[in-house]
Amino acid sequence: MATLEVLDQSGQKISEMTLKEEIFLGEVKPHLIHEVVKMQLANRRAGTAATKNRSAIRGGGKKPWRQKGTGRARVGTIRSPIWRGGGVVFGPMPRDYSYKVPKKVRKGALRSAVILKAQEGKLLLVDKFEIQEAKTREFVKILKDLSVQEALFVVEGRDEALERSSRNIPGVKVLRVEGLNVYDIMRYDTLVITQQAFEKLEGVLAQ
């Protein structure tokens, strides 16, 4: 039976939590993690890169010179791609890069990412966070007590003091459990999650 230490925000062990074997003792599936991270990054692409093709260039309605008799090459429009200032051939146009993977794949990738952090010893379970006021030094003290530098902090609900205290610190992100995703888990070195958020995560992964 696997257990995980529950710490307070000062890094001291206060209890242990038993992990659900059907969720957190499974196999890590790197291909699922790769597929979901690739999807997330693709969905973040703006897809706004664009160039003007010959139909978007202003002017060019008049034939520059007559077809024959000038000794020059025949030309129909100054918008021709071979002219300076003409249209671009096969240039980038606005497009949507987003796509979806099945819900089962997303859930499997999330489960694999959490299991991987647990196996690496980079999953910290904290009872709760209590910050008296939104000050950067308060959050720095928590990082020092937990012995972490780059970390993703996951909380059960809105915690304005915690979020405001952390936003000036590089390499740190505070996220609510409903927004937990594979990319952020893999991006940060350590996953720090409150006990309530962890229980809610277990419920989601068990469905």
N, C-alpha and C. Protein backbone atom coordinates (compact mmCIF):
# COMPACT_ATOMS: atom_id res chain seq x y z
N MET A 1 0.84 -1.19 0.00
CA MET A 1 0.00 0.00 0.00
C MET A 1 0.88 1.25 0.00
N ALA A 2 0.75 2.07 -1.01
CA ALA A 2 1.59 3.26 -1.14
C ALA A 2 1.00 4.42 -0.36
N THR A 3 1.88 5.17 0.27
CA THR A 3 1.46 6.33 1.03
C THR A 3 2.31 7.54 0.61
N LEU A 4 1.80 8.71 0.95
CA LEU A 4 2.50 9.95 0.65
C LEU A 4 2.48 10.82 1.89
N GLU A 5 3.63 11.38 2.23
CA GLU A 5 3.71 12.23 3.40
C GLU A 5 2.92 13.53 3.19
N VAL A 6 2.23 13.94 4.22
CA VAL A 6 1.53 15.21 4.21
C VAL A 6 2.33 16.19 5.06
N LEU A 7 2.74 17.29 4.46
CA LEU A 7 3.57 18.29 5.13
C LEU A 7 2.75 19.53 5.45
N ASP A 8 3.24 20.30 6.41
CA ASP A 8 2.68 21.64 6.57
C ASP A 8 3.50 22.59 5.72
N GLN A 9 3.14 23.85 5.66
CA GLN A 9 3.82 24.78 4.76
C GLN A 9 5.24 25.10 5.19
N SER A 10 5.61 24.66 6.40
CA SER A 10 6.99 24.84 6.86
C SER A 10 7.86 23.64 6.53
N GLY A 11 7.26 22.62 5.88
CA GLY A 11 8.03 21.45 5.45
C GLY A 11 8.09 20.32 6.46
N GLN A 12 7.33 20.42 7.55
CA GLN A 12 7.34 19.38 8.58
C GLN A 12 6.23 18.36 8.31
N LYS A 13 6.56 17.08 8.51
CA LYS A 13 5.58 16.02 8.29
C LYS A 13 4.55 16.03 9.40
N ILE A 14 3.28 15.99 9.02
CA ILE A 14 2.21 15.99 10.03
C ILE A 14 1.35 14.73 9.95
N SER A 15 1.33 14.05 8.79
CA SER A 15 0.55 12.82 8.66
C SER A 15 0.94 12.11 7.37
N GLU A 16 0.21 11.06 7.06
CA GLU A 16 0.41 10.33 5.81
C GLU A 16 -0.93 10.13 5.13
N MET A 17 -0.89 10.07 3.80
CA MET A 17 -2.10 9.86 3.03
C MET A 17 -1.93 8.62 2.16
N THR A 18 -2.91 7.75 2.19
CA THR A 18 -2.85 6.53 1.40
C THR A 18 -3.31 6.81 -0.03
N LEU A 19 -2.51 6.39 -0.98
CA LEU A 19 -2.83 6.61 -2.39
C LEU A 19 -3.74 5.51 -2.91
N LYS A 20 -4.62 5.87 -3.80
CA LYS A 20 -5.47 4.87 -4.43
C LYS A 20 -4.64 4.10 -5.45
N GLU A 21 -4.52 2.80 -5.21
CA GLU A 21 -3.63 1.98 -6.04
C GLU A 21 -4.08 1.94 -7.50
N GLU A 22 -5.39 1.96 -7.72
CA GLU A 22 -5.87 1.87 -9.10
C GLU A 22 -5.55 3.12 -9.91
N ILE A 23 -5.17 4.19 -9.22
CA ILE A 23 -4.86 5.45 -9.90
C ILE A 23 -3.36 5.70 -9.96
N PHE A 24 -2.71 5.66 -8.80
CA PHE A 24 -1.34 6.16 -8.70
C PHE A 24 -0.26 5.07 -8.70
N LEU A 25 -0.65 3.83 -8.84
CA LEU A 25 0.35 2.78 -8.93
C LEU A 25 0.36 2.15 -10.32
N GLY A 26 -0.18 2.85 -11.27
CA GLY A 26 -0.20 2.35 -12.64
C GLY A 26 1.10 2.62 -13.37
N GLU A 27 1.09 2.29 -14.65
CA GLU A 27 2.27 2.45 -15.49
C GLU A 27 2.31 3.85 -16.10
N VAL A 28 3.49 4.43 -16.14
CA VAL A 28 3.67 5.73 -16.80
C VAL A 28 3.70 5.49 -18.31
N LYS A 29 2.90 6.24 -19.03
CA LYS A 29 2.81 6.08 -20.48
C LYS A 29 3.32 7.36 -21.16
N PRO A 30 4.61 7.40 -21.49
CA PRO A 30 5.20 8.62 -22.07
C PRO A 30 4.55 9.06 -23.38
N HIS A 31 4.06 8.10 -24.17
CA HIS A 31 3.47 8.48 -25.45
C HIS A 31 2.19 9.30 -25.27
N LEU A 32 1.45 9.03 -24.18
CA LEU A 32 0.26 9.83 -23.90
C LEU A 32 0.64 11.24 -23.47
N ILE A 33 1.67 11.34 -22.62
CA ILE A 33 2.14 12.65 -22.19
C ILE A 33 2.59 13.47 -23.39
N HIS A 34 3.35 12.82 -24.28
CA HIS A 34 3.84 13.51 -25.48
C HIS A 34 2.68 14.01 -26.34
N GLU A 35 1.69 13.17 -26.54
CA GLU A 35 0.57 13.52 -27.41
C GLU A 35 -0.23 14.70 -26.86
N VAL A 36 -0.46 14.70 -25.55
CA VAL A 36 -1.27 15.77 -24.95
C VAL A 36 -0.49 17.08 -24.88
N VAL A 37 0.81 17.02 -24.56
CA VAL A 37 1.62 18.24 -24.54
C VAL A 37 1.69 18.84 -25.95
N LYS A 38 1.84 17.99 -26.95
CA LYS A 38 1.87 18.47 -28.34
C LYS A 38 0.55 19.15 -28.70
N MET A 39 -0.56 18.57 -28.25
CA MET A 39 -1.87 19.17 -28.51
C MET A 39 -2.00 20.52 -27.82
N GLN A 40 -1.57 20.61 -26.55
CA GLN A 40 -1.68 21.87 -25.81
C GLN A 40 -0.86 22.98 -26.47
N LEU A 41 0.35 22.65 -26.90
CA LEU A 41 1.20 23.65 -27.54
C LEU A 41 0.62 24.09 -28.89
N ALA A 42 0.04 23.14 -29.62
CA ALA A 42 -0.58 23.47 -30.90
C ALA A 42 -1.79 24.38 -30.69
N ASN A 43 -2.56 24.11 -29.64
CA ASN A 43 -3.75 24.91 -29.38
C ASN A 43 -3.41 26.33 -28.94
N ARG A 44 -2.18 26.54 -28.47
CA ARG A 44 -1.77 27.88 -28.05
C ARG A 44 -1.25 28.74 -29.21
N ARG A 45 -1.03 28.13 -30.34
CA ARG A 45 -0.50 28.88 -31.48
C ARG A 45 -1.54 29.87 -32.00
N ALA A 46 -1.09 31.08 -32.27
CA ALA A 46 -2.02 32.11 -32.74
C ALA A 46 -2.50 31.83 -34.16
N GLY A 47 -1.61 31.35 -35.00
CA GLY A 47 -1.99 31.07 -36.39
C GLY A 47 -2.35 32.31 -37.17
N THR A 48 -1.71 33.46 -36.82
CA THR A 48 -2.05 34.73 -37.48
C THR A 48 -1.01 35.16 -38.52
N ALA A 49 0.04 34.37 -38.74
CA ALA A 49 1.04 34.73 -39.75
C ALA A 49 0.39 34.79 -41.12
N ALA A 50 0.69 35.86 -41.87
CA ALA A 50 0.03 36.02 -43.17
C ALA A 50 0.90 36.85 -44.11
N THR A 51 0.80 36.57 -45.39
CA THR A 51 1.43 37.38 -46.44
C THR A 51 0.36 37.70 -47.48
N LYS A 52 0.63 38.71 -48.30
CA LYS A 52 -0.32 39.10 -49.35
C LYS A 52 -0.04 38.31 -50.63
N ASN A 53 -1.05 37.64 -51.11
CA ASN A 53 -0.90 37.01 -52.42
C ASN A 53 -1.25 38.04 -53.51
N ARG A 54 -1.22 37.66 -54.74
CA ARG A 54 -1.37 38.63 -55.82
C ARG A 54 -2.74 39.29 -55.82
N SER A 55 -3.74 38.62 -55.29
CA SER A 55 -5.08 39.21 -55.26
C SER A 55 -5.23 40.26 -54.16
N ALA A 56 -4.30 40.24 -53.17
CA ALA A 56 -4.39 41.19 -52.07
C ALA A 56 -3.54 42.43 -52.28
N ILE A 57 -2.72 42.45 -53.35
CA ILE A 57 -1.87 43.61 -53.62
C ILE A 57 -2.70 44.72 -54.26
N ARG A 58 -2.47 45.96 -53.79
CA ARG A 58 -3.22 47.09 -54.33
C ARG A 58 -2.71 47.45 -55.73
N GLY A 59 -3.62 47.81 -56.60
CA GLY A 59 -3.26 48.23 -57.96
C GLY A 59 -3.09 47.05 -58.89
N GLY A 60 -2.53 47.33 -60.05
CA GLY A 60 -2.25 46.26 -61.00
C GLY A 60 -3.40 45.91 -61.91
N GLY A 61 -4.42 46.75 -61.95
CA GLY A 61 -5.55 46.43 -62.83
C GLY A 61 -5.24 46.69 -64.30
N LYS A 62 -4.30 47.59 -64.53
CA LYS A 62 -3.96 47.93 -65.91
C LYS A 62 -2.74 47.15 -66.39
N LYS A 63 -2.77 46.69 -67.60
CA LYS A 63 -1.62 46.00 -68.19
C LYS A 63 -0.48 47.01 -68.35
N PRO A 64 0.73 46.73 -67.82
CA PRO A 64 1.82 47.72 -67.85
C PRO A 64 2.17 48.20 -69.25
N TRP A 65 2.23 47.33 -70.22
CA TRP A 65 2.48 47.72 -71.62
C TRP A 65 1.82 46.70 -72.53
N ARG A 66 1.77 47.04 -73.78
CA ARG A 66 1.07 46.17 -74.73
C ARG A 66 1.77 44.82 -74.86
N GLN A 67 1.02 43.86 -75.30
CA GLN A 67 1.48 42.49 -75.34
C GLN A 67 2.68 42.31 -76.28
N LYS A 68 2.63 42.91 -77.46
CA LYS A 68 3.66 42.65 -78.47
C LYS A 68 4.28 43.96 -78.97
N GLY A 69 5.45 43.83 -79.52
CA GLY A 69 6.05 44.96 -80.21
C GLY A 69 6.97 45.83 -79.38
N THR A 70 7.13 45.58 -78.10
CA THR A 70 7.99 46.42 -77.27
C THR A 70 9.38 45.83 -77.11
N GLY A 71 9.55 44.56 -77.39
CA GLY A 71 10.83 43.89 -77.18
C GLY A 71 11.02 43.39 -75.75
N ARG A 72 10.08 43.69 -74.90
CA ARG A 72 10.17 43.22 -73.51
C ARG A 72 9.26 42.02 -73.29
N ALA A 73 9.48 41.37 -72.18
CA ALA A 73 8.65 40.21 -71.86
C ALA A 73 7.21 40.63 -71.63
N ARG A 74 6.30 39.75 -71.99
CA ARG A 74 4.89 40.06 -71.80
C ARG A 74 4.55 40.06 -70.31
N VAL A 75 3.77 41.03 -69.89
CA VAL A 75 3.37 41.17 -68.48
C VAL A 75 1.90 41.55 -68.44
N GLY A 76 1.17 40.91 -67.54
CA GLY A 76 -0.25 41.21 -67.43
C GLY A 76 -0.59 42.13 -66.28
N THR A 77 0.23 42.09 -65.21
CA THR A 77 -0.08 42.90 -64.03
C THR A 77 1.18 43.14 -63.21
N ILE A 78 1.22 44.29 -62.53
CA ILE A 78 2.36 44.57 -61.65
C ILE A 78 2.27 43.78 -60.35
N ARG A 79 1.15 43.08 -60.17
CA ARG A 79 1.00 42.25 -58.97
C ARG A 79 1.63 40.87 -59.14
N SER A 80 2.26 40.64 -60.24
CA SER A 80 2.89 39.35 -60.50
C SER A 80 3.94 39.01 -59.43
N PRO A 81 4.00 37.78 -58.95
CA PRO A 81 4.98 37.41 -57.92
C PRO A 81 6.43 37.61 -58.34
N ILE A 82 6.72 37.68 -59.63
CA ILE A 82 8.11 37.85 -60.04
C ILE A 82 8.53 39.32 -60.06
N TRP A 83 7.61 40.21 -59.79
CA TRP A 83 7.92 41.63 -59.71
C TRP A 83 8.17 42.03 -58.26
N ARG A 84 9.06 43.03 -58.11
CA ARG A 84 9.28 43.59 -56.77
C ARG A 84 7.99 44.27 -56.31
N GLY A 85 7.53 43.94 -55.11
CA GLY A 85 6.28 44.49 -54.61
C GLY A 85 5.06 43.70 -55.03
N GLY A 86 5.28 42.62 -55.75
CA GLY A 86 4.16 41.78 -56.16
C GLY A 86 3.71 40.84 -55.06
N GLY A 87 2.77 39.99 -55.39
CA GLY A 87 2.25 39.04 -54.41
C GLY A 87 3.24 37.94 -54.06
N VAL A 88 2.99 37.29 -52.93
CA VAL A 88 3.84 36.18 -52.47
C VAL A 88 3.18 34.87 -52.85
N VAL A 89 3.99 33.95 -53.37
CA VAL A 89 3.47 32.65 -53.77
C VAL A 89 3.62 31.66 -52.62
N PHE A 90 2.55 30.98 -52.28
CA PHE A 90 2.56 29.94 -51.24
C PHE A 90 3.06 30.45 -49.89
N GLY A 91 2.80 31.71 -49.57
CA GLY A 91 3.19 32.25 -48.27
C GLY A 91 2.23 31.79 -47.19
N PRO A 92 2.60 32.03 -45.92
CA PRO A 92 1.71 31.62 -44.82
C PRO A 92 0.42 32.42 -44.82
N MET A 93 -0.68 31.76 -44.48
CA MET A 93 -1.98 32.40 -44.38
C MET A 93 -2.59 32.04 -43.02
N PRO A 94 -3.47 32.87 -42.48
CA PRO A 94 -4.09 32.55 -41.18
C PRO A 94 -4.71 31.17 -41.18
N ARG A 95 -4.45 30.43 -40.11
CA ARG A 95 -4.99 29.07 -40.01
C ARG A 95 -5.16 28.69 -38.55
N ASP A 96 -5.94 27.70 -38.30
CA ASP A 96 -6.21 27.21 -36.95
C ASP A 96 -5.41 25.93 -36.73
N TYR A 97 -4.48 25.96 -35.78
CA TYR A 97 -3.64 24.81 -35.51
C TYR A 97 -4.25 23.86 -34.47
N SER A 98 -5.32 24.28 -33.83
CA SER A 98 -5.86 23.51 -32.70
C SER A 98 -6.49 22.20 -33.15
N TYR A 99 -6.41 21.23 -32.27
CA TYR A 99 -7.09 19.94 -32.49
C TYR A 99 -7.33 19.30 -31.12
N LYS A 100 -8.08 18.26 -31.09
CA LYS A 100 -8.41 17.60 -29.82
C LYS A 100 -7.98 16.14 -29.86
N VAL A 101 -7.64 15.63 -28.68
CA VAL A 101 -7.41 14.20 -28.52
C VAL A 101 -8.54 13.66 -27.65
N PRO A 102 -8.81 12.38 -27.68
CA PRO A 102 -9.91 11.83 -26.89
C PRO A 102 -9.76 12.11 -25.39
N LYS A 103 -10.88 12.23 -24.71
CA LYS A 103 -10.89 12.50 -23.27
C LYS A 103 -10.12 11.42 -22.50
N LYS A 104 -10.23 10.20 -22.96
CA LYS A 104 -9.53 9.09 -22.30
C LYS A 104 -8.02 9.27 -22.38
N VAL A 105 -7.55 9.79 -23.50
CA VAL A 105 -6.12 10.03 -23.68
C VAL A 105 -5.66 11.16 -22.76
N ARG A 106 -6.45 12.23 -22.68
CA ARG A 106 -6.09 13.36 -21.81
C ARG A 106 -6.02 12.93 -20.34
N LYS A 107 -6.98 12.14 -19.93
CA LYS A 107 -7.00 11.68 -18.53
C LYS A 107 -5.83 10.73 -18.27
N GLY A 108 -5.53 9.86 -19.21
CA GLY A 108 -4.40 8.95 -19.06
C GLY A 108 -3.08 9.68 -19.00
N ALA A 109 -2.95 10.75 -19.79
CA ALA A 109 -1.72 11.55 -19.77
C ALA A 109 -1.57 12.28 -18.45
N LEU A 110 -2.68 12.82 -17.92
CA LEU A 110 -2.63 13.51 -16.63
C LEU A 110 -2.26 12.55 -15.52
N ARG A 111 -2.83 11.36 -15.55
CA ARG A 111 -2.50 10.35 -14.55
C ARG A 111 -1.02 9.97 -14.65
N SER A 112 -0.51 9.78 -15.86
CA SER A 112 0.89 9.40 -16.05
C SER A 112 1.83 10.49 -15.56
N ALA A 113 1.47 11.76 -15.81
CA ALA A 113 2.32 12.87 -15.39
C ALA A 113 2.41 12.94 -13.87
N VAL A 114 1.29 12.74 -13.18
CA VAL A 114 1.29 12.77 -11.71
C VAL A 114 2.06 11.58 -11.15
N ILE A 115 1.86 10.40 -11.74
CA ILE A 115 2.60 9.20 -11.29
C ILE A 115 4.10 9.41 -11.47
N LEU A 116 4.49 10.00 -12.60
CA LEU A 116 5.91 10.24 -12.86
C LEU A 116 6.52 11.16 -11.81
N LYS A 117 5.81 12.23 -11.45
CA LYS A 117 6.31 13.12 -10.41
C LYS A 117 6.43 12.40 -9.07
N ALA A 118 5.48 11.53 -8.78
CA ALA A 118 5.53 10.77 -7.52
C ALA A 118 6.71 9.81 -7.51
N GLN A 119 6.95 9.15 -8.64
CA GLN A 119 8.06 8.20 -8.72
C GLN A 119 9.41 8.91 -8.61
N GLU A 120 9.49 10.13 -9.11
CA GLU A 120 10.74 10.90 -9.05
C GLU A 120 10.94 11.58 -7.71
N GLY A 121 9.96 11.46 -6.82
CA GLY A 121 10.06 12.12 -5.53
C GLY A 121 9.86 13.63 -5.61
N LYS A 122 9.15 14.07 -6.65
CA LYS A 122 8.95 15.50 -6.85
C LYS A 122 7.47 15.89 -6.74
N LEU A 123 6.74 15.08 -5.99
CA LEU A 123 5.35 15.38 -5.67
C LEU A 123 5.25 15.64 -4.18
N LEU A 124 4.94 16.87 -3.82
CA LEU A 124 4.83 17.26 -2.41
C LEU A 124 3.38 17.53 -2.08
N LEU A 125 2.92 16.87 -1.01
CA LEU A 125 1.54 17.04 -0.56
C LEU A 125 1.56 17.91 0.69
N VAL A 126 0.90 19.05 0.60
CA VAL A 126 0.89 20.01 1.70
C VAL A 126 -0.53 20.11 2.27
N ASP A 127 -0.61 20.17 3.59
CA ASP A 127 -1.91 20.24 4.25
C ASP A 127 -2.71 21.45 3.75
N LYS A 128 -2.15 22.65 3.86
CA LYS A 128 -2.79 23.88 3.40
C LYS A 128 -1.78 25.01 3.42
N PHE A 129 -2.11 26.08 2.74
CA PHE A 129 -1.26 27.26 2.75
C PHE A 129 -1.99 28.40 3.47
N GLU A 130 -1.28 29.01 4.37
CA GLU A 130 -1.85 30.14 5.10
C GLU A 130 -0.87 31.31 5.01
N ILE A 131 -1.27 32.34 4.30
CA ILE A 131 -0.44 33.54 4.15
C ILE A 131 -1.22 34.72 4.74
N GLN A 132 -0.60 35.41 5.66
CA GLN A 132 -1.28 36.50 6.36
C GLN A 132 -1.56 37.67 5.42
N GLU A 133 -0.60 38.02 4.57
CA GLU A 133 -0.77 39.11 3.63
C GLU A 133 -0.05 38.78 2.33
N ALA A 134 -0.49 39.42 1.26
CA ALA A 134 0.09 39.14 -0.05
C ALA A 134 1.44 39.83 -0.21
N LYS A 135 2.47 39.17 0.28
CA LYS A 135 3.83 39.69 0.22
C LYS A 135 4.74 38.63 -0.41
N THR A 136 5.62 39.07 -1.30
CA THR A 136 6.53 38.13 -1.96
C THR A 136 7.39 37.38 -0.95
N ARG A 137 7.83 38.06 0.10
CA ARG A 137 8.69 37.42 1.09
C ARG A 137 7.99 36.26 1.80
N GLU A 138 6.65 36.33 1.92
CA GLU A 138 5.91 35.24 2.54
C GLU A 138 6.01 33.97 1.68
N PHE A 139 5.90 34.15 0.37
CA PHE A 139 5.97 32.99 -0.53
C PHE A 139 7.40 32.48 -0.63
N VAL A 140 8.37 33.39 -0.61
CA VAL A 140 9.78 32.98 -0.64
C VAL A 140 10.10 32.10 0.55
N LYS A 141 9.54 32.42 1.69
CA LYS A 141 9.76 31.62 2.91
C LYS A 141 9.20 30.21 2.74
N ILE A 142 8.02 30.11 2.11
CA ILE A 142 7.43 28.79 1.86
C ILE A 142 8.34 27.98 0.93
N LEU A 143 8.84 28.60 -0.13
CA LEU A 143 9.76 27.90 -1.04
C LEU A 143 10.99 27.39 -0.30
N LYS A 144 11.54 28.22 0.57
CA LYS A 144 12.73 27.84 1.32
C LYS A 144 12.44 26.70 2.28
N ASP A 145 11.30 26.77 2.97
CA ASP A 145 10.94 25.72 3.94
C ASP A 145 10.67 24.38 3.25
N LEU A 146 10.10 24.44 2.05
CA LEU A 146 9.80 23.20 1.31
C LEU A 146 10.98 22.73 0.47
N SER A 147 12.04 23.54 0.42
CA SER A 147 13.27 23.20 -0.33
C SER A 147 12.99 23.00 -1.82
N VAL A 148 12.21 23.91 -2.39
CA VAL A 148 11.92 23.86 -3.82
C VAL A 148 12.26 25.20 -4.45
N GLN A 149 12.54 25.17 -5.76
CA GLN A 149 12.84 26.40 -6.49
C GLN A 149 11.83 26.60 -7.62
N GLU A 150 11.86 25.70 -8.59
CA GLU A 150 10.89 25.77 -9.68
C GLU A 150 9.76 24.79 -9.36
N ALA A 151 8.56 25.32 -9.17
CA ALA A 151 7.47 24.45 -8.73
C ALA A 151 6.12 24.95 -9.22
N LEU A 152 5.23 23.99 -9.42
CA LEU A 152 3.84 24.28 -9.73
C LEU A 152 3.03 24.03 -8.47
N PHE A 153 2.38 25.07 -7.96
CA PHE A 153 1.56 24.97 -6.76
C PHE A 153 0.10 24.83 -7.18
N VAL A 154 -0.53 23.77 -6.70
CA VAL A 154 -1.92 23.50 -7.06
C VAL A 154 -2.77 23.59 -5.80
N VAL A 155 -3.79 24.44 -5.84
CA VAL A 155 -4.66 24.65 -4.69
C VAL A 155 -6.10 24.30 -5.06
N GLU A 156 -6.92 24.13 -4.03
CA GLU A 156 -8.28 23.64 -4.25
C GLU A 156 -9.19 24.72 -4.84
N GLY A 157 -9.02 25.96 -4.39
CA GLY A 157 -9.87 27.05 -4.86
C GLY A 157 -9.09 28.35 -4.97
N ARG A 158 -9.81 29.44 -5.14
CA ARG A 158 -9.17 30.74 -5.28
C ARG A 158 -8.47 31.14 -3.99
N ASP A 159 -7.19 31.49 -4.10
CA ASP A 159 -6.40 31.96 -2.96
C ASP A 159 -5.64 33.20 -3.43
N GLU A 160 -6.29 34.34 -3.31
CA GLU A 160 -5.75 35.58 -3.86
C GLU A 160 -4.41 35.95 -3.23
N ALA A 161 -4.28 35.74 -1.91
CA ALA A 161 -3.03 36.10 -1.23
C ALA A 161 -1.87 35.26 -1.76
N LEU A 162 -2.11 33.96 -1.94
CA LEU A 162 -1.06 33.07 -2.45
C LEU A 162 -0.71 33.42 -3.89
N GLU A 163 -1.71 33.68 -4.71
CA GLU A 163 -1.47 34.00 -6.11
C GLU A 163 -0.71 35.31 -6.27
N ARG A 164 -1.09 36.32 -5.50
CA ARG A 164 -0.41 37.62 -5.60
C ARG A 164 1.01 37.55 -5.03
N SER A 165 1.21 36.72 -4.01
CA SER A 165 2.54 36.61 -3.40
C SER A 165 3.54 35.93 -4.32
N SER A 166 3.05 35.11 -5.24
CA SER A 166 3.94 34.29 -6.07
C SER A 166 4.21 34.87 -7.45
N ARG A 167 3.45 35.89 -7.86
CA ARG A 167 3.52 36.28 -9.27
C ARG A 167 4.79 37.03 -9.65
N ASN A 168 5.55 37.49 -8.68
CA ASN A 168 6.82 38.17 -8.98
C ASN A 168 8.02 37.23 -8.91
N ILE A 169 7.77 35.97 -8.65
CA ILE A 169 8.86 35.00 -8.48
C ILE A 169 8.99 34.16 -9.75
N PRO A 170 10.15 34.21 -10.42
CA PRO A 170 10.31 33.40 -11.65
C PRO A 170 10.37 31.91 -11.34
N GLY A 171 9.89 31.10 -12.28
CA GLY A 171 9.96 29.65 -12.11
C GLY A 171 8.90 29.08 -11.19
N VAL A 172 7.88 29.87 -10.86
CA VAL A 172 6.83 29.42 -9.95
C VAL A 172 5.48 29.78 -10.54
N LYS A 173 4.51 28.89 -10.37
CA LYS A 173 3.15 29.15 -10.84
C LYS A 173 2.15 28.57 -9.86
N VAL A 174 1.10 29.33 -9.58
CA VAL A 174 0.01 28.86 -8.73
C VAL A 174 -1.20 28.60 -9.62
N LEU A 175 -1.77 27.41 -9.49
CA LEU A 175 -2.85 26.98 -10.37
C LEU A 175 -3.95 26.33 -9.54
N ARG A 176 -5.17 26.57 -9.90
CA ARG A 176 -6.28 25.89 -9.24
C ARG A 176 -6.44 24.49 -9.83
N VAL A 177 -6.94 23.57 -9.04
CA VAL A 177 -6.92 22.16 -9.44
C VAL A 177 -7.73 21.91 -10.70
N GLU A 178 -8.80 22.70 -10.92
CA GLU A 178 -9.59 22.47 -12.12
C GLU A 178 -8.84 22.86 -13.38
N GLY A 179 -7.77 23.65 -13.25
CA GLY A 179 -6.97 24.03 -14.40
C GLY A 179 -5.69 23.22 -14.56
N LEU A 180 -5.53 22.19 -13.73
CA LEU A 180 -4.31 21.38 -13.79
C LEU A 180 -4.20 20.69 -15.14
N ASN A 181 -3.02 20.76 -15.75
CA ASN A 181 -2.83 20.19 -17.07
C ASN A 181 -1.45 19.55 -17.19
N VAL A 182 -1.30 18.71 -18.19
CA VAL A 182 -0.07 17.92 -18.36
C VAL A 182 1.13 18.82 -18.66
N TYR A 183 0.94 19.83 -19.51
CA TYR A 183 2.07 20.69 -19.89
C TYR A 183 2.69 21.38 -18.68
N ASP A 184 1.86 21.95 -17.82
CA ASP A 184 2.39 22.65 -16.65
C ASP A 184 3.05 21.69 -15.67
N ILE A 185 2.50 20.49 -15.53
CA ILE A 185 3.12 19.50 -14.63
C ILE A 185 4.52 19.15 -15.11
N MET A 186 4.68 18.96 -16.42
CA MET A 186 5.97 18.57 -16.96
C MET A 186 6.93 19.76 -17.06
N ARG A 187 6.39 20.96 -17.16
CA ARG A 187 7.23 22.15 -17.32
C ARG A 187 7.98 22.48 -16.03
N TYR A 188 7.33 22.30 -14.89
CA TYR A 188 7.94 22.67 -13.61
C TYR A 188 8.57 21.45 -12.95
N ASP A 189 9.65 21.70 -12.23
CA ASP A 189 10.43 20.61 -11.64
C ASP A 189 9.65 19.87 -10.57
N THR A 190 8.92 20.59 -9.73
CA THR A 190 8.24 19.98 -8.59
C THR A 190 6.76 20.32 -8.63
N LEU A 191 5.94 19.34 -8.26
CA LEU A 191 4.49 19.55 -8.15
C LEU A 191 4.13 19.60 -6.67
N VAL A 192 3.67 20.76 -6.23
CA VAL A 192 3.25 20.95 -4.83
C VAL A 192 1.75 21.14 -4.83
N ILE A 193 1.04 20.25 -4.14
CA ILE A 193 -0.41 20.26 -4.19
C ILE A 193 -0.98 20.15 -2.78
N THR A 194 -2.05 20.90 -2.53
CA THR A 194 -2.68 20.82 -1.21
C THR A 194 -3.48 19.53 -1.09
N GLN A 195 -3.74 19.13 0.15
CA GLN A 195 -4.43 17.87 0.39
C GLN A 195 -5.84 17.89 -0.20
N GLN A 196 -6.56 18.99 -0.04
CA GLN A 196 -7.91 19.09 -0.61
C GLN A 196 -7.88 19.01 -2.14
N ALA A 197 -6.91 19.68 -2.74
CA ALA A 197 -6.80 19.63 -4.20
C ALA A 197 -6.45 18.23 -4.67
N PHE A 198 -5.60 17.53 -3.92
CA PHE A 198 -5.20 16.18 -4.27
C PHE A 198 -6.39 15.23 -4.22
N GLU A 199 -7.22 15.38 -3.20
CA GLU A 199 -8.42 14.54 -3.08
C GLU A 199 -9.37 14.80 -4.25
N LYS A 200 -9.49 16.06 -4.64
CA LYS A 200 -10.34 16.41 -5.78
C LYS A 200 -9.76 15.84 -7.07
N LEU A 201 -8.44 15.86 -7.20
CA LEU A 201 -7.78 15.29 -8.38
C LEU A 201 -8.01 13.78 -8.45
N GLU A 202 -7.93 13.12 -7.31
CA GLU A 202 -8.20 11.68 -7.27
C GLU A 202 -9.62 11.38 -7.78
N GLY A 203 -10.57 12.19 -7.35
CA GLY A 203 -11.94 11.98 -7.79
C GLY A 203 -12.11 12.13 -9.29
N VAL A 204 -11.41 13.10 -9.87
CA VAL A 204 -11.47 13.31 -11.32
C VAL A 204 -10.86 12.13 -12.07
N LEU A 205 -9.68 11.67 -11.61
CA LEU A 205 -8.99 10.59 -12.30
C LEU A 205 -9.68 9.24 -12.12
N ALA A 206 -10.50 9.12 -11.07
CA ALA A 206 -11.18 7.85 -10.81
C ALA A 206 -12.42 7.69 -11.66
N GLN A 207 -12.91 8.75 -12.28
CA GLN A 207 -14.15 8.69 -13.07
C GLN A 207 -13.96 7.89 -14.35
